[in-house]
Structure formats: structure tokens, C-alpha cells
N, C-alpha and C. Protein backbone atom coordinates (compact mmCIF):
# COMPACT_ATOMS: atom_id res chain seq x y z
N MET A 1 20.95 -2.90 6.90
CA MET A 1 20.68 -1.88 5.89
C MET A 1 21.72 -0.80 6.04
N THR A 2 22.02 -0.15 4.91
CA THR A 2 22.99 0.93 4.95
C THR A 2 22.34 2.18 5.53
N LYS A 3 23.16 3.15 5.93
CA LYS A 3 22.67 4.36 6.55
C LYS A 3 21.70 5.10 5.62
N ASP A 4 22.06 5.31 4.37
CA ASP A 4 21.22 6.02 3.40
C ASP A 4 20.57 4.99 2.48
N PHE A 5 19.75 4.12 3.07
CA PHE A 5 19.15 3.03 2.32
C PHE A 5 18.22 3.55 1.23
N GLN A 6 18.06 2.74 0.19
CA GLN A 6 17.20 3.04 -0.93
C GLN A 6 15.93 2.23 -0.84
N GLU A 7 14.94 2.55 -1.67
CA GLU A 7 13.66 1.86 -1.66
C GLU A 7 13.84 0.36 -1.91
N LEU A 8 14.67 -0.01 -2.87
CA LEU A 8 14.86 -1.42 -3.18
C LEU A 8 15.44 -2.17 -1.99
N GLU A 9 16.34 -1.52 -1.25
CA GLU A 9 16.92 -2.15 -0.06
C GLU A 9 15.85 -2.35 1.03
N LEU A 10 15.01 -1.34 1.24
CA LEU A 10 13.93 -1.46 2.23
C LEU A 10 12.98 -2.59 1.81
N GLU A 11 12.62 -2.61 0.54
CA GLU A 11 11.73 -3.64 0.01
C GLU A 11 12.33 -5.04 0.23
N LYS A 12 13.62 -5.18 -0.04
CA LYS A 12 14.30 -6.47 0.11
C LYS A 12 14.28 -6.91 1.58
N VAL A 13 14.57 -5.99 2.50
CA VAL A 13 14.59 -6.32 3.91
C VAL A 13 13.20 -6.73 4.37
N LEU A 14 12.17 -6.00 3.93
CA LEU A 14 10.80 -6.34 4.34
C LEU A 14 10.40 -7.73 3.83
N THR A 15 10.74 -8.02 2.57
CA THR A 15 10.35 -9.33 2.03
C THR A 15 11.17 -10.46 2.60
N GLN A 16 12.42 -10.18 2.97
CA GLN A 16 13.22 -11.22 3.66
C GLN A 16 12.65 -11.51 5.04
N ASN A 17 12.01 -10.56 5.62
CA ASN A 17 11.43 -10.72 6.94
C ASN A 17 9.90 -10.70 6.84
N ILE A 18 9.37 -11.40 5.84
CA ILE A 18 7.97 -11.32 5.50
C ILE A 18 7.05 -11.74 6.64
N THR A 19 7.42 -12.73 7.40
CA THR A 19 6.56 -13.18 8.51
C THR A 19 6.37 -12.05 9.51
N ARG A 20 7.45 -11.41 9.87
CA ARG A 20 7.39 -10.30 10.82
C ARG A 20 6.56 -9.15 10.22
N PHE A 21 6.78 -8.87 8.95
CA PHE A 21 6.04 -7.78 8.29
C PHE A 21 4.55 -8.11 8.22
N LEU A 22 4.21 -9.36 7.94
CA LEU A 22 2.78 -9.75 7.90
C LEU A 22 2.15 -9.57 9.27
N LEU A 23 2.88 -9.87 10.33
CA LEU A 23 2.33 -9.66 11.67
C LEU A 23 2.15 -8.15 11.94
N GLU A 24 3.02 -7.32 11.41
CA GLU A 24 2.88 -5.88 11.56
C GLU A 24 1.61 -5.40 10.83
N LEU A 25 1.35 -5.97 9.65
CA LEU A 25 0.18 -5.58 8.89
C LEU A 25 -1.12 -5.96 9.60
N GLY A 26 -1.12 -7.09 10.24
CA GLY A 26 -2.33 -7.55 10.94
C GLY A 26 -2.85 -8.86 10.35
N LYS A 27 -3.89 -9.34 10.96
CA LYS A 27 -4.47 -10.65 10.61
C LYS A 27 -5.09 -10.62 9.20
N GLY A 28 -4.86 -11.69 8.46
CA GLY A 28 -5.56 -11.88 7.20
C GLY A 28 -4.79 -11.54 5.94
N PHE A 29 -3.59 -11.00 6.05
CA PHE A 29 -2.81 -10.64 4.86
C PHE A 29 -2.01 -11.82 4.32
N ALA A 30 -2.05 -12.03 3.04
CA ALA A 30 -1.27 -13.04 2.34
C ALA A 30 -0.35 -12.34 1.34
N PHE A 31 0.92 -12.70 1.36
CA PHE A 31 1.89 -12.09 0.46
C PHE A 31 1.73 -12.65 -0.93
N VAL A 32 1.56 -11.79 -1.93
CA VAL A 32 1.44 -12.21 -3.32
C VAL A 32 2.78 -12.07 -4.02
N GLY A 33 3.48 -10.96 -3.82
CA GLY A 33 4.79 -10.80 -4.45
C GLY A 33 5.30 -9.38 -4.39
N ARG A 34 6.54 -9.24 -4.82
CA ARG A 34 7.15 -7.91 -4.90
C ARG A 34 7.51 -7.63 -6.33
N GLN A 35 7.39 -6.37 -6.69
CA GLN A 35 7.67 -5.94 -8.07
C GLN A 35 6.90 -6.80 -9.08
N MET A 36 5.63 -7.04 -8.79
CA MET A 36 4.78 -7.85 -9.67
C MET A 36 4.51 -7.06 -10.97
N PRO A 37 4.91 -7.59 -12.12
CA PRO A 37 4.68 -6.85 -13.36
C PRO A 37 3.20 -6.81 -13.73
N LEU A 38 2.74 -5.60 -14.04
CA LEU A 38 1.37 -5.40 -14.49
C LEU A 38 1.44 -4.73 -15.85
N GLU A 39 0.88 -5.39 -16.87
CA GLU A 39 0.90 -4.87 -18.23
C GLU A 39 -0.23 -3.86 -18.40
N VAL A 40 0.12 -2.63 -18.60
CA VAL A 40 -0.86 -1.54 -18.78
C VAL A 40 -0.62 -0.95 -20.16
N GLY A 41 -1.49 -1.37 -21.09
CA GLY A 41 -1.26 -0.94 -22.48
C GLY A 41 0.05 -1.51 -22.96
N ASP A 42 0.90 -0.62 -23.49
CA ASP A 42 2.21 -1.08 -23.98
C ASP A 42 3.33 -0.85 -22.96
N GLU A 43 2.96 -0.62 -21.70
CA GLU A 43 3.94 -0.39 -20.64
C GLU A 43 3.74 -1.44 -19.53
N THR A 44 4.81 -1.63 -18.78
CA THR A 44 4.75 -2.52 -17.62
C THR A 44 5.07 -1.69 -16.38
N ILE A 45 4.21 -1.81 -15.37
CA ILE A 45 4.45 -1.12 -14.10
C ILE A 45 4.70 -2.17 -13.02
N TYR A 46 5.38 -1.74 -11.95
CA TYR A 46 5.82 -2.68 -10.92
C TYR A 46 5.52 -2.14 -9.53
N PRO A 47 4.36 -2.47 -8.97
CA PRO A 47 4.13 -2.08 -7.57
C PRO A 47 5.15 -2.75 -6.67
N ASP A 48 5.54 -2.03 -5.62
CA ASP A 48 6.57 -2.56 -4.73
C ASP A 48 6.17 -3.88 -4.10
N LEU A 49 5.03 -3.90 -3.40
CA LEU A 49 4.58 -5.11 -2.70
C LEU A 49 3.09 -5.31 -2.97
N LEU A 50 2.70 -6.57 -3.17
CA LEU A 50 1.30 -6.87 -3.41
C LEU A 50 0.87 -7.96 -2.41
N PHE A 51 -0.23 -7.70 -1.72
CA PHE A 51 -0.81 -8.63 -0.76
C PHE A 51 -2.25 -8.86 -1.13
N TYR A 52 -2.84 -9.91 -0.56
CA TYR A 52 -4.27 -10.14 -0.66
C TYR A 52 -4.77 -10.30 0.78
N HIS A 53 -5.86 -9.61 1.09
CA HIS A 53 -6.43 -9.72 2.43
C HIS A 53 -7.57 -10.73 2.37
N LEU A 54 -7.39 -11.81 3.10
CA LEU A 54 -8.32 -12.95 3.03
C LEU A 54 -9.70 -12.62 3.59
N GLU A 55 -9.77 -11.81 4.62
CA GLU A 55 -11.07 -11.48 5.21
C GLU A 55 -11.78 -10.36 4.46
N LEU A 56 -11.03 -9.37 4.02
CA LEU A 56 -11.63 -8.26 3.27
C LEU A 56 -11.91 -8.65 1.81
N ARG A 57 -11.28 -9.73 1.39
CA ARG A 57 -11.38 -10.20 -0.01
C ARG A 57 -10.98 -9.11 -0.98
N CYS A 58 -9.77 -8.58 -0.78
CA CYS A 58 -9.28 -7.54 -1.68
C CYS A 58 -7.74 -7.56 -1.69
N TYR A 59 -7.21 -7.04 -2.78
CA TYR A 59 -5.78 -6.88 -2.89
C TYR A 59 -5.37 -5.63 -2.12
N CYS A 60 -4.11 -5.60 -1.71
CA CYS A 60 -3.53 -4.46 -1.04
C CYS A 60 -2.16 -4.18 -1.69
N VAL A 61 -2.03 -2.99 -2.26
CA VAL A 61 -0.77 -2.58 -2.88
C VAL A 61 -0.04 -1.71 -1.89
N ILE A 62 1.22 -2.02 -1.64
CA ILE A 62 2.03 -1.19 -0.74
C ILE A 62 3.16 -0.57 -1.58
N GLU A 63 3.22 0.73 -1.52
CA GLU A 63 4.28 1.48 -2.22
C GLU A 63 5.22 2.05 -1.17
N LEU A 64 6.50 1.82 -1.35
CA LEU A 64 7.52 2.27 -0.41
C LEU A 64 8.26 3.48 -0.96
N LYS A 65 8.45 4.48 -0.13
CA LYS A 65 9.23 5.67 -0.48
C LYS A 65 10.16 5.99 0.66
N VAL A 66 11.44 6.15 0.36
CA VAL A 66 12.41 6.47 1.41
C VAL A 66 12.70 7.96 1.45
N GLN A 67 11.73 8.75 1.13
CA GLN A 67 11.83 10.18 1.18
C GLN A 67 10.55 10.73 1.77
N LYS A 68 10.52 12.05 1.97
CA LYS A 68 9.31 12.62 2.56
C LYS A 68 8.15 12.52 1.57
N PHE A 69 6.94 12.53 2.11
CA PHE A 69 5.74 12.41 1.29
C PHE A 69 5.67 13.53 0.27
N LYS A 70 5.27 13.15 -0.97
CA LYS A 70 5.00 14.09 -2.03
C LYS A 70 3.62 13.74 -2.61
N PRO A 71 2.80 14.73 -2.92
CA PRO A 71 1.46 14.45 -3.44
C PRO A 71 1.45 13.54 -4.66
N GLU A 72 2.46 13.61 -5.49
CA GLU A 72 2.48 12.78 -6.70
C GLU A 72 2.56 11.29 -6.39
N PHE A 73 2.97 10.92 -5.17
CA PHE A 73 2.99 9.51 -4.80
C PHE A 73 1.57 8.93 -4.83
N ILE A 74 0.57 9.76 -4.51
CA ILE A 74 -0.82 9.31 -4.52
C ILE A 74 -1.24 8.91 -5.93
N GLY A 75 -0.82 9.68 -6.93
CA GLY A 75 -1.12 9.36 -8.31
C GLY A 75 -0.48 8.04 -8.75
N GLN A 76 0.76 7.83 -8.36
CA GLN A 76 1.44 6.59 -8.70
C GLN A 76 0.75 5.41 -8.05
N LEU A 77 0.47 5.51 -6.76
CA LEU A 77 -0.20 4.41 -6.05
C LEU A 77 -1.61 4.20 -6.61
N GLY A 78 -2.31 5.28 -6.94
CA GLY A 78 -3.64 5.17 -7.54
C GLY A 78 -3.61 4.41 -8.86
N THR A 79 -2.57 4.63 -9.65
CA THR A 79 -2.42 3.92 -10.91
C THR A 79 -2.23 2.42 -10.65
N TYR A 80 -1.42 2.08 -9.66
CA TYR A 80 -1.22 0.69 -9.32
C TYR A 80 -2.53 0.05 -8.84
N ILE A 81 -3.28 0.78 -8.02
CA ILE A 81 -4.56 0.26 -7.53
C ILE A 81 -5.50 -0.02 -8.68
N SER A 82 -5.63 0.93 -9.61
CA SER A 82 -6.52 0.74 -10.76
C SER A 82 -6.07 -0.44 -11.62
N ALA A 83 -4.77 -0.56 -11.82
CA ALA A 83 -4.25 -1.67 -12.64
C ALA A 83 -4.57 -3.00 -11.98
N VAL A 84 -4.39 -3.11 -10.66
CA VAL A 84 -4.68 -4.36 -9.96
C VAL A 84 -6.19 -4.65 -10.05
N ASN A 85 -7.01 -3.60 -9.89
CA ASN A 85 -8.47 -3.79 -9.99
C ASN A 85 -8.83 -4.36 -11.35
N HIS A 86 -8.20 -3.88 -12.43
CA HIS A 86 -8.55 -4.32 -13.77
C HIS A 86 -7.91 -5.65 -14.13
N LEU A 87 -6.68 -5.88 -13.68
CA LEU A 87 -5.92 -7.03 -14.15
C LEU A 87 -5.91 -8.23 -13.22
N LYS A 88 -6.09 -8.04 -11.94
CA LYS A 88 -5.96 -9.13 -10.98
C LYS A 88 -7.28 -9.53 -10.31
N CYS A 89 -8.14 -8.57 -10.07
CA CYS A 89 -9.37 -8.84 -9.32
C CYS A 89 -10.29 -9.79 -10.06
N LYS A 90 -10.90 -10.66 -9.29
CA LYS A 90 -11.88 -11.61 -9.81
C LYS A 90 -13.27 -11.20 -9.35
N PRO A 91 -14.33 -11.73 -9.97
CA PRO A 91 -15.67 -11.41 -9.48
C PRO A 91 -15.77 -11.77 -7.99
N GLY A 92 -16.37 -10.89 -7.23
CA GLY A 92 -16.51 -11.11 -5.79
C GLY A 92 -15.41 -10.45 -4.98
N ASP A 93 -14.31 -10.04 -5.62
CA ASP A 93 -13.27 -9.31 -4.90
C ASP A 93 -13.75 -7.88 -4.66
N ASN A 94 -13.36 -7.34 -3.52
CA ASN A 94 -13.64 -5.93 -3.22
C ASN A 94 -12.54 -5.07 -3.83
N PRO A 95 -12.77 -3.75 -3.94
CA PRO A 95 -11.76 -2.87 -4.53
C PRO A 95 -10.42 -2.94 -3.80
N THR A 96 -9.37 -2.84 -4.56
CA THR A 96 -8.00 -2.86 -4.04
C THR A 96 -7.78 -1.65 -3.15
N ILE A 97 -7.02 -1.86 -2.07
CA ILE A 97 -6.64 -0.77 -1.19
C ILE A 97 -5.15 -0.50 -1.36
N GLY A 98 -4.73 0.70 -1.04
CA GLY A 98 -3.33 1.06 -1.17
C GLY A 98 -2.76 1.61 0.12
N LEU A 99 -1.53 1.27 0.41
CA LEU A 99 -0.83 1.81 1.55
C LEU A 99 0.49 2.41 1.05
N LEU A 100 0.70 3.65 1.38
CA LEU A 100 1.93 4.34 1.02
C LEU A 100 2.76 4.48 2.30
N ILE A 101 3.95 3.94 2.27
CA ILE A 101 4.86 4.06 3.41
C ILE A 101 6.00 4.95 2.98
N CYS A 102 6.13 6.10 3.61
CA CYS A 102 7.20 7.02 3.26
C CYS A 102 8.00 7.43 4.49
N LYS A 103 9.12 8.06 4.25
CA LYS A 103 10.03 8.40 5.35
C LYS A 103 9.37 9.35 6.35
N THR A 104 8.78 10.41 5.85
CA THR A 104 8.06 11.37 6.69
C THR A 104 6.87 11.90 5.92
N LYS A 105 5.93 12.49 6.67
CA LYS A 105 4.79 13.13 5.99
C LYS A 105 4.35 14.30 6.83
N LYS A 106 3.84 15.31 6.14
CA LYS A 106 3.20 16.43 6.81
C LYS A 106 1.73 16.17 6.70
N GLN A 107 1.04 16.18 7.84
CA GLN A 107 -0.35 15.77 7.91
C GLN A 107 -1.26 16.56 6.96
N VAL A 108 -1.08 17.87 6.89
CA VAL A 108 -1.96 18.70 6.04
C VAL A 108 -1.76 18.35 4.58
N MET A 109 -0.51 18.21 4.14
CA MET A 109 -0.25 17.89 2.74
C MET A 109 -0.83 16.52 2.40
N ALA A 110 -0.67 15.56 3.29
CA ALA A 110 -1.22 14.23 3.06
C ALA A 110 -2.74 14.28 2.99
N GLN A 111 -3.38 15.04 3.88
CA GLN A 111 -4.83 15.16 3.87
C GLN A 111 -5.31 15.76 2.55
N TYR A 112 -4.68 16.83 2.10
CA TYR A 112 -5.09 17.46 0.85
C TYR A 112 -4.91 16.52 -0.33
N ALA A 113 -3.81 15.79 -0.35
CA ALA A 113 -3.55 14.86 -1.45
C ALA A 113 -4.59 13.74 -1.46
N LEU A 114 -4.95 13.24 -0.28
CA LEU A 114 -5.93 12.17 -0.21
C LEU A 114 -7.32 12.65 -0.58
N GLU A 115 -7.63 13.92 -0.32
CA GLU A 115 -8.95 14.44 -0.68
C GLU A 115 -9.15 14.51 -2.18
N SER A 116 -8.05 14.46 -2.95
CA SER A 116 -8.15 14.55 -4.40
C SER A 116 -8.42 13.20 -5.06
N THR A 117 -8.52 12.14 -4.27
CA THR A 117 -8.75 10.82 -4.84
C THR A 117 -9.95 10.14 -4.18
N ASN A 118 -10.57 9.24 -4.90
CA ASN A 118 -11.66 8.48 -4.30
C ASN A 118 -11.25 7.04 -4.01
N GLN A 119 -9.95 6.76 -4.17
CA GLN A 119 -9.47 5.40 -3.91
C GLN A 119 -9.09 5.23 -2.45
N PRO A 120 -9.23 4.01 -1.94
CA PRO A 120 -8.89 3.74 -0.53
C PRO A 120 -7.37 3.66 -0.35
N ILE A 121 -6.80 4.77 0.10
CA ILE A 121 -5.33 4.86 0.28
C ILE A 121 -5.05 5.33 1.69
N GLY A 122 -4.09 4.70 2.34
CA GLY A 122 -3.59 5.14 3.63
C GLY A 122 -2.12 5.53 3.48
N ILE A 123 -1.70 6.49 4.28
CA ILE A 123 -0.31 6.94 4.24
C ILE A 123 0.28 6.75 5.63
N SER A 124 1.45 6.21 5.67
CA SER A 124 2.13 5.98 6.95
C SER A 124 3.59 6.35 6.84
N GLU A 125 4.16 6.73 7.97
CA GLU A 125 5.60 6.96 8.02
C GLU A 125 6.29 5.69 8.44
N CYS A 126 7.46 5.45 7.89
CA CYS A 126 8.27 4.33 8.28
C CYS A 126 9.25 4.84 9.33
N LYS A 127 9.13 4.33 10.53
CA LYS A 127 9.98 4.75 11.65
C LYS A 127 11.09 3.73 11.82
N LEU A 128 12.32 4.17 11.69
CA LEU A 128 13.45 3.30 11.91
C LEU A 128 14.19 3.74 13.16
N SER A 129 14.19 2.91 14.18
CA SER A 129 14.89 3.28 15.40
C SER A 129 16.37 2.91 15.31
N LYS A 130 16.66 1.85 14.58
CA LYS A 130 18.04 1.43 14.31
C LYS A 130 18.06 0.90 12.90
N LEU A 131 19.21 0.90 12.27
CA LEU A 131 19.29 0.42 10.91
C LEU A 131 19.53 -1.08 10.82
N ILE A 132 18.64 -1.84 11.49
CA ILE A 132 18.67 -3.29 11.38
C ILE A 132 17.24 -3.75 11.17
N PRO A 133 17.04 -4.81 10.41
CA PRO A 133 15.68 -5.23 10.05
C PRO A 133 14.76 -5.46 11.23
N GLU A 134 15.26 -5.99 12.36
CA GLU A 134 14.42 -6.28 13.50
C GLU A 134 13.72 -5.04 14.03
N ASP A 135 14.27 -3.88 13.78
CA ASP A 135 13.72 -2.66 14.37
C ASP A 135 12.90 -1.84 13.38
N ILE A 136 12.54 -2.43 12.23
CA ILE A 136 11.71 -1.69 11.28
C ILE A 136 10.29 -1.69 11.86
N LYS A 137 9.78 -0.50 12.07
CA LYS A 137 8.43 -0.39 12.60
C LYS A 137 7.64 0.56 11.70
N SER A 138 6.45 0.17 11.34
CA SER A 138 5.60 1.05 10.52
C SER A 138 4.31 1.32 11.24
N GLN A 139 3.69 2.40 10.86
CA GLN A 139 2.42 2.77 11.49
C GLN A 139 1.32 2.69 10.44
N LEU A 140 1.01 1.49 10.04
CA LEU A 140 -0.01 1.25 9.03
C LEU A 140 -1.39 1.40 9.66
N PRO A 141 -2.39 1.70 8.83
CA PRO A 141 -3.73 1.75 9.35
C PRO A 141 -4.13 0.42 9.94
N SER A 142 -5.01 0.45 10.92
CA SER A 142 -5.51 -0.78 11.50
C SER A 142 -6.44 -1.48 10.52
N ILE A 143 -6.68 -2.75 10.75
CA ILE A 143 -7.61 -3.52 9.92
C ILE A 143 -8.98 -2.87 9.94
N GLU A 144 -9.38 -2.37 11.14
CA GLU A 144 -10.69 -1.72 11.25
C GLU A 144 -10.77 -0.48 10.36
N GLU A 145 -9.69 0.31 10.31
CA GLU A 145 -9.66 1.50 9.47
C GLU A 145 -9.74 1.14 7.99
N ILE A 146 -9.04 0.07 7.61
CA ILE A 146 -9.06 -0.38 6.22
C ILE A 146 -10.46 -0.88 5.88
N GLU A 147 -11.05 -1.67 6.76
CA GLU A 147 -12.41 -2.18 6.51
C GLU A 147 -13.40 -1.04 6.39
N GLU A 148 -13.27 -0.03 7.24
CA GLU A 148 -14.16 1.14 7.18
C GLU A 148 -14.04 1.86 5.85
N GLN A 149 -12.80 2.04 5.41
CA GLN A 149 -12.58 2.72 4.11
C GLN A 149 -13.16 1.92 2.96
N VAL A 150 -12.97 0.60 2.97
CA VAL A 150 -13.53 -0.24 1.90
C VAL A 150 -15.05 -0.14 1.90
N LYS A 151 -15.66 -0.17 3.09
CA LYS A 151 -17.14 -0.06 3.18
C LYS A 151 -17.62 1.28 2.64
N ARG A 152 -16.87 2.36 2.97
CA ARG A 152 -17.26 3.70 2.44
C ARG A 152 -17.19 3.72 0.92
N ILE A 153 -16.16 3.14 0.36
CA ILE A 153 -16.02 3.15 -1.10
C ILE A 153 -17.10 2.30 -1.74
N GLN A 154 -17.39 1.14 -1.15
CA GLN A 154 -18.45 0.30 -1.67
C GLN A 154 -19.80 1.02 -1.60
N GLY A 155 -20.03 1.76 -0.52
CA GLY A 155 -21.27 2.54 -0.38
C GLY A 155 -21.37 3.61 -1.43
N LYS A 156 -20.26 4.31 -1.73
CA LYS A 156 -20.26 5.35 -2.76
C LYS A 156 -20.55 4.74 -4.13
N LYS A 157 -19.94 3.56 -4.40
CA LYS A 157 -20.17 2.92 -5.71
C LYS A 157 -21.62 2.51 -5.85
N LYS A 158 -22.25 2.04 -4.76
CA LYS A 158 -23.67 1.65 -4.81
C LYS A 158 -24.53 2.87 -5.06
N GLU A 159 -24.18 4.01 -4.45
CA GLU A 159 -24.95 5.25 -4.63
C GLU A 159 -24.84 5.75 -6.07
N GLU A 160 -23.68 5.55 -6.71
CA GLU A 160 -23.46 5.99 -8.07
C GLU A 160 -24.28 5.19 -9.06
N ARG A 161 -24.61 3.92 -8.68
CA ARG A 161 -25.37 3.06 -9.60
C ARG A 161 -26.77 3.47 -9.56
């Protein structure tokens, strides 16, 4: 990767090394695709990476940002999550979860941004120790944290009914 890599370059490196990236994500993730077109009204949107978690029975949208966290990223990822819920999910699937991987994040700003949404979204920093694919390390939420968030959302939806 180049020194000032762009999102598309990071996405390409991750998908070229998909086995390693799947191991980083944890057990149960299946790669669905990158830049999967989703028709939303008269527009097409393209989430960076789309996975399906076999044990959680839900899609996982991963949005990559090679800049510091901005609250508006939550809105973009939230839109992708809603689109996948409407367009891809089948009966029996759990709500889609989202993971935002950005260059850096300030904990308080991330917390405030996440409090404004009811969607299951995690934010992680992408740590690059060297600019070679083997050293791409991310700090994604654990499977247990994702499962807990999905259960909380399912509980809220049951309470609303």
C-alpha cells in the first residue's frame, strides 16, 4: 500500500487477503462482497464490505474510512444497514450490524454519535504498524460484544411491539 493510501486501496488489500481478514473478524463470518450495489429508490449505494454471520444469522456491513472519525459516518453506515435490512434480509434473519473502521477516533465523539442511533454499530480504529498487508490490524468488537448488541436491539424491538 502507498504511504497516503485511500479507502479503495485499503478495501482492495483487505479483500485480497480475505482469509486473514475473516480470521481477524472472528468465527462465523462469510464474505458476501465488496461495493455491493443496493438500489434505494432511484439511487444506488455501495457499502464497502458486506458479510453474513452464520451463527448470528445476520448481515454485517463494514464501512472503511482512512481519516479520523466524523459523526456523519454513523449516518452513512446507518443508511447502509437499513438498506441491507430492507433489501437483503430474509425471514428469520436478525437485524444487520455495522462496523465502522476509521483511521482514528476520539472516544467521547464516538460515544455521542452512537447514542444518537438505535442501530447496532461498532467503531474501531485501523492500526497500521507497517504499510504492508500482512501488518493490517484492526480492533473490531468481539463476537460476544456483537451478539450482546444484537440481543439488546431484539429486546428493544420486542418491547416496542
